[in-house]
Each structure stands twice: as C-alpha cells, then as structure tokens.
C-alpha cells in the first residue's frame, strides 16, 4: 500500500510520536509489510476499561522519500 495511506489507517492514539514522525517525514514509497503486537489486561479503572502492557510494531518500506530536516 502507499506510504501516504498510513496517516488514514494508523490510529492517532497508537504510538503517537512514531506515527507523527512517520507520517510527517516519509512519502512516495510503499509499505510492504506491517505488524503490531499487543498485550492488554481488563482493568475497570483504566481509560476504556483496558490497560495496555505492551504495544510494539514494525513496518517494512520500499522506495521511500525521507525528509530528514
């Protein structure tokens, strides 16, 4: 899928800093593989009723344009 689709598909509240950097600085390429790994527990005191214990992700790209500045 086109890298530019990440802004629409990547939830804004998930990995906020990473999402901001990727969506602001990468363009023109394609995502060839993406994955996410979560671990969560039911917690009535937590926002939304769930506590996230782990959230990790990875994305493989091809033919990117990267804005370093």
C-alpha atoms as a PDB file:
ATOM      1  CA  UNK A   1       0.000   0.000   0.000  1.00  0.00           C
ATOM      2  CA  UNK A   2       1.184   3.582  -0.483  1.00  0.00           C
ATOM      3  CA  UNK A   3       3.063   5.095   2.488  1.00  0.00           C
ATOM      4  CA  UNK A   4       0.728   8.100   2.326  1.00  0.00           C
ATOM      5  CA  UNK A   5      -2.178   5.813   3.375  1.00  0.00           C
ATOM      6  CA  UNK A   6      -0.591   5.342   6.825  1.00  0.00           C
ATOM      7  CA  UNK A   7      -1.983   8.678   8.039  1.00  0.00           C
ATOM      8  CA  UNK A   8      -5.519   7.401   7.378  1.00  0.00           C
ATOM      9  CA  UNK A   9      -5.026   3.831   8.625  1.00  0.00           C
ATOM     10  CA  UNK A  10      -2.714   4.248  11.659  1.00  0.00           C
ATOM     11  CA  UNK A  11      -4.834   5.164  14.728  1.00  0.00           C
ATOM     12  CA  UNK A  12      -3.782   8.574  16.061  1.00  0.00           C
ATOM     13  CA  UNK A  13      -3.609   7.370  19.680  1.00  0.00           C
ATOM     14  CA  UNK A  14      -1.330   4.418  18.894  1.00  0.00           C
ATOM     15  CA  UNK A  15       2.394   5.179  19.046  1.00  0.00           C
ATOM     16  CA  UNK A  16       1.746   8.898  18.778  1.00  0.00           C
ATOM     17  CA  UNK A  17       5.371  10.040  18.449  1.00  0.00           C
ATOM     18  CA  UNK A  18       6.304   7.314  15.956  1.00  0.00           C
ATOM     19  CA  UNK A  19       3.124   7.922  13.942  1.00  0.00           C
ATOM     20  CA  UNK A  20       3.796  11.661  13.799  1.00  0.00           C
ATOM     21  CA  UNK A  21       7.390  11.171  12.602  1.00  0.00           C
ATOM     22  CA  UNK A  22       6.491   8.543  10.007  1.00  0.00           C
ATOM     23  CA  UNK A  23       3.504  10.412   8.590  1.00  0.00           C
ATOM     24  CA  UNK A  24       5.352  13.764   8.563  1.00  0.00           C
ATOM     25  CA  UNK A  25       8.657  12.536   7.125  1.00  0.00           C
ATOM     26  CA  UNK A  26       8.065   9.532   4.852  1.00  0.00           C
ATOM     27  CA  UNK A  27       6.365   9.676   1.471  1.00  0.00           C
ATOM     28  CA  UNK A  28       6.222   8.315  -2.062  1.00  0.00           C
ATOM     29  CA  UNK A  29       7.121   4.728  -1.110  1.00  0.00           C
ATOM     30  CA  UNK A  30       5.147   1.623  -0.349  1.00  0.00           C
ATOM     31  CA  UNK A  31       4.516  -0.380   2.807  1.00  0.00           C
ATOM     32  CA  UNK A  32       5.388  -3.992   2.023  1.00  0.00           C
ATOM     33  CA  UNK A  33       4.760  -5.464   5.478  1.00  0.00           C
ATOM     34  CA  UNK A  34       3.338  -4.116   8.733  1.00  0.00           C
ATOM     35  CA  UNK A  35       2.700  -5.803  12.049  1.00  0.00           C
ATOM     36  CA  UNK A  36       1.651  -4.959  15.571  1.00  0.00           C
ATOM     37  CA  UNK A  37       1.868  -6.942  18.805  1.00  0.00           C
ATOM     38  CA  UNK A  38      -0.293  -6.079  21.819  1.00  0.00           C
ATOM     39  CA  UNK A  39      -0.661  -7.375  25.330  1.00  0.00           C
ATOM     40  CA  UNK A  40      -3.507  -5.934  27.419  1.00  0.00           C
ATOM     41  CA  UNK A  41      -5.476  -6.718  30.536  1.00  0.00           C
ATOM     42  CA  UNK A  42      -9.007  -5.885  31.526  1.00  0.00           C
ATOM     43  CA  UNK A  43      -8.814  -3.068  34.074  1.00  0.00           C
ATOM     44  CA  UNK A  44     -12.031  -1.271  35.044  1.00  0.00           C
ATOM     45  CA  UNK A  45     -10.011   1.643  36.459  1.00  0.00           C
ATOM     46  CA  UNK A  46      -8.187   2.266  33.156  1.00  0.00           C
ATOM     47  CA  UNK A  47      -9.489   4.500  30.401  1.00  0.00           C
ATOM     48  CA  UNK A  48     -11.668   2.358  28.154  1.00  0.00           C
ATOM     49  CA  UNK A  49     -11.552  -0.493  30.666  1.00  0.00           C
ATOM     50  CA  UNK A  50      -8.265  -1.927  29.388  1.00  0.00           C
ATOM     51  CA  UNK A  51      -4.634  -1.456  30.464  1.00  0.00           C
ATOM     52  CA  UNK A  52      -2.021  -1.893  27.743  1.00  0.00           C
ATOM     53  CA  UNK A  53       1.001  -3.813  28.985  1.00  0.00           C
ATOM     54  CA  UNK A  54       2.849  -3.956  25.677  1.00  0.00           C
ATOM     55  CA  UNK A  55       2.479  -2.383  22.247  1.00  0.00           C
ATOM     56  CA  UNK A  56       5.106  -2.869  19.556  1.00  0.00           C
ATOM     57  CA  UNK A  57       5.045  -2.588  15.820  1.00  0.00           C
ATOM     58  CA  UNK A  58       7.181  -2.790  12.739  1.00  0.00           C
ATOM     59  CA  UNK A  59       6.853  -1.599   9.159  1.00  0.00           C
ATOM     60  CA  UNK A  60       8.879  -2.515   6.086  1.00  0.00           C
ATOM     61  CA  UNK A  61       9.046   0.013   3.260  1.00  0.00           C
ATOM     62  CA  UNK A  62      10.327   0.239  -0.295  1.00  0.00           C
ATOM     63  CA  UNK A  63      11.226   3.227  -2.493  1.00  0.00           C
ATOM     64  CA  UNK A  64      10.767   5.857   0.202  1.00  0.00           C
ATOM     65  CA  UNK A  65      11.368   9.539   0.098  1.00  0.00           C
ATOM     66  CA  UNK A  66      12.590  10.674   3.528  1.00  0.00           C
ATOM     67  CA  UNK A  67      12.545  14.223   4.836  1.00  0.00           C
ATOM     68  CA  UNK A  68      15.443  14.448   7.295  1.00  0.00           C
ATOM     69  CA  UNK A  69      15.140  18.155   8.044  1.00  0.00           C
END
